[in-house]
Protein backbone atom coordinates (compact mmCIF):
# COMPACT_ATOMS: atom_id res chain seq x y z
CA MET A 1 -45.96 90.65 41.33
CA GLN A 2 -45.81 90.98 37.56
CA ARG A 3 -42.06 90.16 37.55
CA PHE A 4 -42.84 86.98 39.60
CA ALA A 5 -45.58 85.93 37.18
CA GLY A 6 -43.34 86.43 34.24
CA TRP A 7 -40.54 84.45 35.85
CA PHE A 8 -42.97 81.59 36.70
CA LEU A 9 -44.40 81.44 33.16
CA SER A 10 -40.86 81.30 31.74
CA LEU A 11 -40.23 78.16 33.82
CA VAL A 12 -43.26 76.24 32.51
CA PRO A 13 -41.78 75.15 29.24
CA LEU A 14 -38.56 74.10 30.97
CA VAL A 15 -40.46 72.08 33.55
CA CYS A 16 -42.68 70.41 30.90
CA GLY A 17 -39.65 69.66 28.82
CA ALA A 18 -37.91 68.05 31.75
CA VAL A 19 -41.00 65.91 32.44
CA VAL A 20 -41.11 64.78 28.85
CA LEU A 21 -37.38 63.92 28.82
CA ALA A 22 -37.78 62.02 32.08
CA SER A 23 -40.69 60.08 30.70
CA LEU A 24 -38.73 59.18 27.58
CA ALA A 25 -35.77 58.09 29.67
CA GLY A 26 -37.99 55.88 31.73
CA CYS A 27 -37.71 57.84 34.94
CA GLY A 28 -40.21 57.12 37.69
CA GLY A 29 -40.50 53.42 36.82
CA THR A 30 -38.74 50.43 35.37
CA LYS A 31 -39.10 49.80 31.61
CA LYS A 32 -40.80 46.50 31.02
CA LYS A 33 -38.82 44.02 28.91
CA PRO A 34 -40.47 42.93 25.70
CA PRO A 35 -41.55 39.24 25.61
CA MET A 36 -38.92 36.89 24.16
CA THR A 37 -39.40 35.81 20.56
CA PHE A 38 -39.90 32.08 19.77
CA ALA A 39 -36.37 32.06 18.37
CA GLU A 40 -35.00 33.42 21.71
CA ARG A 41 -37.08 30.96 23.69
CA LEU A 42 -35.92 28.04 21.56
CA LYS A 43 -32.26 29.10 22.07
CA LYS A 44 -32.75 29.40 25.81
CA ALA A 45 -34.47 25.96 25.98
CA LYS A 46 -31.81 24.15 24.13
CA ALA A 47 -29.22 25.69 26.42
CA ASP A 48 -30.94 24.54 29.62
CA ALA A 49 -28.36 22.71 31.67
CA THR A 50 -30.67 20.89 34.12
CA PRO A 51 -31.29 17.11 33.63
CA GLY A 52 -34.12 16.82 31.10
CA GLY A 53 -34.25 20.58 30.92
CA PRO A 54 -34.13 20.98 27.06
CA ALA A 55 -36.86 18.36 26.56
CA ARG A 56 -39.07 20.01 29.15
CA GLU A 57 -38.56 23.51 27.97
CA LEU A 58 -38.80 22.77 24.29
CA ALA A 59 -42.14 21.06 24.90
CA LYS A 60 -43.36 24.26 26.64
CA VAL A 61 -42.29 26.36 23.65
CA ALA A 62 -43.93 23.91 21.28
CA ARG A 63 -47.31 24.29 23.07
CA SER A 64 -46.99 28.07 22.87
CA GLN A 65 -46.21 27.87 19.16
CA PHE A 66 -49.25 25.66 18.60
CA LYS A 67 -51.45 28.12 20.53
CA SER A 68 -50.13 30.95 18.32
CA GLY A 69 -51.21 29.05 15.18
CA ASP A 70 -47.79 27.72 14.13
CA LYS A 71 -48.59 23.98 14.09
CA ALA A 72 -45.65 23.09 11.76
CA GLY A 73 -43.22 24.92 14.04
CA ALA A 74 -44.68 23.31 17.11
CA LEU A 75 -44.35 19.82 15.72
CA GLN A 76 -40.74 20.47 14.70
CA THR A 77 -39.96 21.77 18.21
CA LEU A 78 -41.45 18.67 19.77
CA ALA A 79 -39.40 16.52 17.42
CA ASP A 80 -36.31 18.42 18.60
CA ALA A 81 -37.36 17.81 22.19
CA ARG A 82 -37.61 14.09 21.47
CA LYS A 83 -34.12 14.10 19.97
CA THR A 84 -32.60 15.40 23.23
CA ILE A 85 -33.52 12.08 24.99
CA ALA A 86 -31.05 9.27 24.49
CA ASP A 87 -32.17 5.65 24.43
CA ASP A 88 -30.14 4.92 27.56
CA ALA A 89 -31.18 8.08 29.39
CA ASP A 90 -32.03 8.04 33.15
CA ALA A 91 -35.56 6.59 33.02
CA VAL A 92 -36.69 8.36 36.22
CA VAL A 93 -35.97 11.78 34.64
CA PHE A 94 -36.70 11.15 31.01
CA ALA A 95 -39.73 8.79 30.93
CA PRO A 96 -41.98 11.63 32.34
CA ARG A 97 -40.48 13.92 29.63
CA LEU A 98 -41.45 11.45 26.95
CA VAL A 99 -44.95 11.30 28.45
CA ASP A 100 -45.20 15.05 28.23
CA ILE A 101 -44.00 15.04 24.59
CA ALA A 102 -46.41 12.27 23.73
CA ALA A 103 -49.32 14.14 25.23
CA SER A 104 -48.31 17.28 23.26
CA PHE A 105 -48.05 15.38 20.00
CA ALA A 106 -51.48 13.85 20.59
CA SER A 107 -53.04 17.23 21.41
CA MET A 108 -51.69 18.44 18.00
CA ALA A 109 -53.22 15.40 16.24
CA ASP A 110 -49.85 13.88 15.30
CA LYS A 111 -50.88 10.39 16.37
CA ARG A 112 -47.91 8.58 14.90
CA ALA A 113 -45.39 10.70 16.73
CA ALA A 114 -47.52 10.54 19.91
CA ARG A 115 -47.64 6.71 19.80
CA GLU A 116 -43.89 6.46 19.25
CA ALA A 117 -43.08 8.72 22.20
CA ALA A 118 -45.72 7.00 24.41
CA ASP A 119 -44.35 3.49 23.59
CA GLU A 120 -40.85 4.69 24.30
CA ALA A 121 -41.93 5.97 27.66
CA VAL A 122 -43.51 2.56 28.49
CA MET A 123 -40.35 0.74 27.53
CA MET A 124 -38.26 3.16 29.52
CA SER A 125 -40.48 2.63 32.54
CA ASP A 126 -39.21 -0.88 32.86
CA ARG A 127 -35.92 0.62 34.05
CA ILE A 128 -37.63 2.74 36.78
CA GLY A 129 -36.86 1.37 40.19
CA ASP A 130 -39.35 3.46 42.09
CA PRO A 131 -42.76 1.81 41.74
CA VAL A 132 -44.74 4.94 42.30
CA THR A 133 -42.97 6.76 39.44
CA LYS A 134 -43.49 3.78 37.27
CA VAL A 135 -47.20 3.72 38.05
CA ASP A 136 -47.44 7.44 37.24
CA VAL A 137 -45.79 6.95 33.85
CA LEU A 138 -47.97 3.93 32.90
CA ALA A 139 -51.20 5.61 34.09
CA LYS A 140 -50.46 8.86 32.13
CA VAL A 141 -49.61 6.94 28.98
CA GLY A 142 -52.79 4.90 29.43
CA ALA A 143 -54.68 8.19 29.60
CA ILE A 144 -53.04 9.38 26.36
CA TYR A 145 -54.03 6.17 24.63
CA GLY A 146 -57.57 6.13 25.89
CA ALA A 147 -58.51 9.88 25.59
CA ARG A 148 -60.87 10.45 22.66
CA ASP A 149 -60.30 14.26 22.67
CA GLY A 150 -56.66 15.16 22.36
CA GLY A 151 -55.53 11.55 22.71
CA LEU A 152 -55.22 8.43 20.65
CA GLY A 153 -58.63 6.91 21.24
CA GLU A 154 -57.31 3.31 21.60
CA SER A 155 -59.25 1.98 24.60
CA SER A 156 -57.82 -1.54 24.39
CA LYS A 157 -54.26 -0.40 24.76
CA ALA A 158 -55.29 2.03 27.53
CA LYS A 159 -56.97 -0.82 29.45
CA ASP A 160 -53.86 -2.94 29.34
CA LEU A 161 -51.61 -0.13 30.54
CA LEU A 162 -53.97 0.99 33.37
CA ALA A 163 -54.46 -2.62 34.54
CA ARG A 164 -50.64 -2.94 34.75
CA ALA A 165 -50.44 0.36 36.63
CA ALA A 166 -53.19 -0.73 39.03
CA GLU A 167 -51.51 -4.11 39.73
CA ILE A 168 -48.28 -2.31 40.67
CA ALA A 169 -50.12 0.32 42.73
CA GLY A 170 -51.83 -2.39 44.81
CA GLY A 171 -48.79 -4.68 45.10
CA GLU A 172 -46.14 -5.25 47.72
CA ASP A 173 -43.58 -3.03 46.09
CA VAL A 174 -45.49 0.06 47.01
CA SER A 175 -45.32 1.01 50.69
CA ASP A 176 -48.52 1.96 52.59
CA ARG A 177 -47.25 5.50 52.88
CA PHE A 178 -47.14 6.02 49.08
CA ARG A 179 -50.02 3.72 48.12
CA PRO A 180 -52.62 6.53 48.03
CA GLN A 181 -50.42 8.53 45.67
CA ALA A 182 -50.06 5.52 43.32
CA LEU A 183 -53.78 4.69 43.43
CA ALA A 184 -54.68 8.35 42.77
CA ALA A 185 -52.47 8.32 39.62
CA VAL A 186 -54.29 5.19 38.36
CA ALA A 187 -57.71 6.64 39.14
CA LEU A 188 -56.88 9.81 37.20
CA GLY A 189 -55.57 7.62 34.30
CA TYR A 190 -58.90 5.79 34.17
CA ALA A 191 -60.83 9.08 34.32
CA ASN A 192 -58.84 10.72 31.64
CA ALA A 193 -58.83 7.61 29.39
CA ASN A 194 -62.67 7.57 29.31
CA LEU A 195 -62.61 4.35 31.36
CA ALA A 196 -64.01 5.66 34.58
CA ASP A 197 -66.56 2.91 34.65
CA GLN A 198 -63.72 0.36 35.17
CA ALA A 199 -62.22 2.07 38.20
CA ASP A 200 -64.48 0.67 40.94
CA ALA A 201 -61.80 -1.08 42.90
CA ILE A 202 -59.38 1.86 42.70
CA ILE A 203 -61.77 4.56 43.98
CA GLU A 204 -63.12 2.32 46.72
CA LYS A 205 -59.56 1.83 48.02
CA LEU A 206 -58.87 5.57 47.78
CA GLU A 207 -61.97 6.53 49.65
CA SER A 208 -61.38 3.95 52.37
CA LEU A 209 -57.74 5.12 52.85
CA ALA A 210 -58.49 8.87 52.81
CA GLU A 211 -59.68 9.24 56.45
CA SER A 212 -56.37 8.02 57.80
CA LEU A 213 -54.17 10.26 55.62
CA ASP A 214 -52.41 13.55 56.26
CA ALA A 215 -53.91 16.68 54.64
CA ARG A 216 -52.13 16.71 51.28
CA PRO A 217 -52.40 12.97 50.34
CA LYS A 218 -56.04 13.08 51.62
CA ALA A 219 -56.89 16.00 49.39
CA GLU A 220 -55.25 14.43 46.41
CA ALA A 221 -56.84 11.02 46.98
CA LEU A 222 -60.34 12.45 47.39
CA ALA A 223 -59.84 14.66 44.39
CA ALA A 224 -58.85 11.71 42.22
CA ALA A 225 -61.81 9.64 43.47
CA ALA A 226 -64.12 12.61 42.75
CA ASN A 227 -62.78 13.01 39.30
CA VAL A 228 -63.73 9.37 38.53
CA ARG A 229 -67.15 9.84 40.15
CA ALA A 230 -67.77 12.94 38.15
CA LYS A 231 -66.85 11.20 34.87
CA ARG A 232 -69.31 8.44 35.72
CA GLY A 233 -72.11 10.91 36.26
CA GLU A 234 -72.28 10.39 40.01
CA LYS A 235 -72.67 14.06 40.73
CA GLU A 236 -73.73 13.99 44.43
CA LYS A 237 -70.91 11.58 45.42
CA ALA A 238 -68.38 13.69 43.46
CA GLU A 239 -69.55 16.92 45.17
CA ALA A 240 -69.38 15.39 48.63
CA LEU A 241 -65.80 14.14 47.96
CA LEU A 242 -64.75 17.48 46.55
CA ASP A 243 -66.07 19.34 49.65
CA ASP A 244 -63.90 17.18 51.87
CA ALA A 245 -60.95 17.46 49.43
CA ALA A 246 -61.13 21.26 49.40
CA LYS A 247 -61.12 21.35 53.24
CA ALA A 248 -58.18 19.06 53.38
CA ALA A 249 -56.22 21.11 50.77
CA LYS A 250 -56.78 24.33 52.62
CA ALA A 251 -55.53 22.80 55.85
CA VAL A 252 -52.20 21.66 54.35
CA ASP A 253 -49.09 22.96 56.03
CA GLY A 254 -46.20 24.30 53.85
CA SER A 255 -46.65 26.51 50.83
CA ALA A 256 -45.46 23.97 48.22
CA ASN A 257 -47.57 21.06 49.55
CA LYS A 258 -50.57 23.35 49.86
CA THR A 259 -50.22 24.61 46.27
CA TYR A 260 -50.18 21.16 44.74
CA ALA A 261 -53.09 19.99 46.94
CA LEU A 262 -55.16 23.03 45.79
CA ILE A 263 -54.23 22.34 42.17
CA ALA A 264 -55.35 18.69 42.43
CA VAL A 265 -58.70 19.67 43.94
CA ALA A 266 -59.18 22.54 41.40
CA ASN A 267 -58.56 20.11 38.53
CA ALA A 268 -61.14 17.71 39.92
CA LEU A 269 -63.64 20.57 40.30
CA LYS A 270 -63.01 21.53 36.70
CA ALA A 271 -63.65 17.93 35.63
CA ALA A 272 -66.89 18.01 37.58
CA GLY A 273 -68.01 21.15 35.71
CA ASN A 274 -67.61 23.55 38.66
CA SER A 275 -65.40 26.14 37.03
CA LYS A 276 -66.29 28.88 39.52
CA ALA A 277 -65.02 26.87 42.53
CA ALA A 278 -62.05 25.67 40.54
CA THR A 279 -61.07 29.26 39.65
CA ALA A 280 -61.35 30.29 43.32
CA LEU A 281 -59.04 27.47 44.39
CA ALA A 282 -56.65 28.26 41.57
CA ALA A 283 -56.37 31.80 42.96
CA GLU A 284 -55.61 30.34 46.34
CA ALA A 285 -52.97 28.12 44.80
CA GLU A 286 -51.39 31.17 43.11
CA LYS A 287 -51.08 32.95 46.46
CA SER A 288 -49.66 29.86 48.05
CA ALA A 289 -47.10 29.31 45.25
CA GLY A 290 -45.94 32.90 45.67
CA LYS A 291 -44.91 32.08 49.23
CA ILE A 292 -42.62 29.16 48.27
CA GLY A 293 -39.08 29.99 49.37
CA ASP A 294 -37.02 28.03 46.87
CA ALA A 295 -36.87 29.91 43.59
CA GLU A 296 -36.83 26.87 41.29
CA GLN A 297 -39.55 25.08 43.21
CA GLN A 298 -41.67 28.32 43.14
CA LYS A 299 -41.17 28.56 39.32
CA GLU A 300 -42.34 25.03 38.75
CA ALA A 301 -45.31 25.39 41.05
CA MET A 302 -46.35 28.65 39.43
CA LEU A 303 -46.20 27.02 36.01
CA GLU A 304 -48.58 24.37 37.19
CA VAL A 305 -50.89 27.15 38.51
CA ARG A 306 -50.71 29.05 35.28
CA THR A 307 -51.50 25.90 33.23
CA LEU A 308 -54.55 25.34 35.42
CA GLN A 309 -55.70 28.93 35.14
CA ALA A 310 -55.33 28.91 31.37
CA SER A 311 -57.45 25.78 31.16
CA LEU A 312 -60.28 27.55 33.07
CA LYS A 313 -60.56 30.52 30.74
């Protein structure tokens, strides 16, 4: 017995040493990669080979730089993103990129650069054949111009752009199938431009169309109308619309469609001041995004979810 005890005790240092070595070698689990530096992210963004990829990815890096306190670096990165867009670039792909860059410049209080990118997006929108995409660009630029916080605070310009977007959204060039999507974009433009009191006709059309729509467009239409109602201080009407919008979003078939419907309603709930409900829907959107089969589509959807979740913290 004493011989066994002595043999066992002699093994203890060896076993402990083996455990330490295994731990140092990373045994029993994968070693987590350190996050990329900004320099590495910038290099990767510039090398993106997808159409509009460098502009899109550089804008993301710029926003991260700004959050980290490097405003000068962020502005330079946004300027680099702008330079990747040629004057004769495909408007369908690059006008939305310019909108994103303009919004980022505005959020960083560089109004001159924001105005230049926004105006370029508007000019480029003239070459967009799809009326719904054109409406979306004009409405978002209108929101950038009108927003007092993180925007340009120029309501006159915002009114002109949003009126133009509304005219296209209600015109013959937009099919009935996509009219709710176009009207929702205009409604959100008015809400985000601090012009919700001028969106009567838009939200009335959205609310009247909603009952006849499939689940995703219904959720997005009601969410957009609720967003405007909330900005106008019409709390009870906004809450009723949001209840119906949430039910519709949860009933959407298909992981991708459900994710975006949930995001739309969560954003509207956030605008209405209901952060708790918005956070719950954001969590559902995250689960739904995780079920999207296409890797690239899942990445884009998850980015939208993460942006929403960050805004709720």
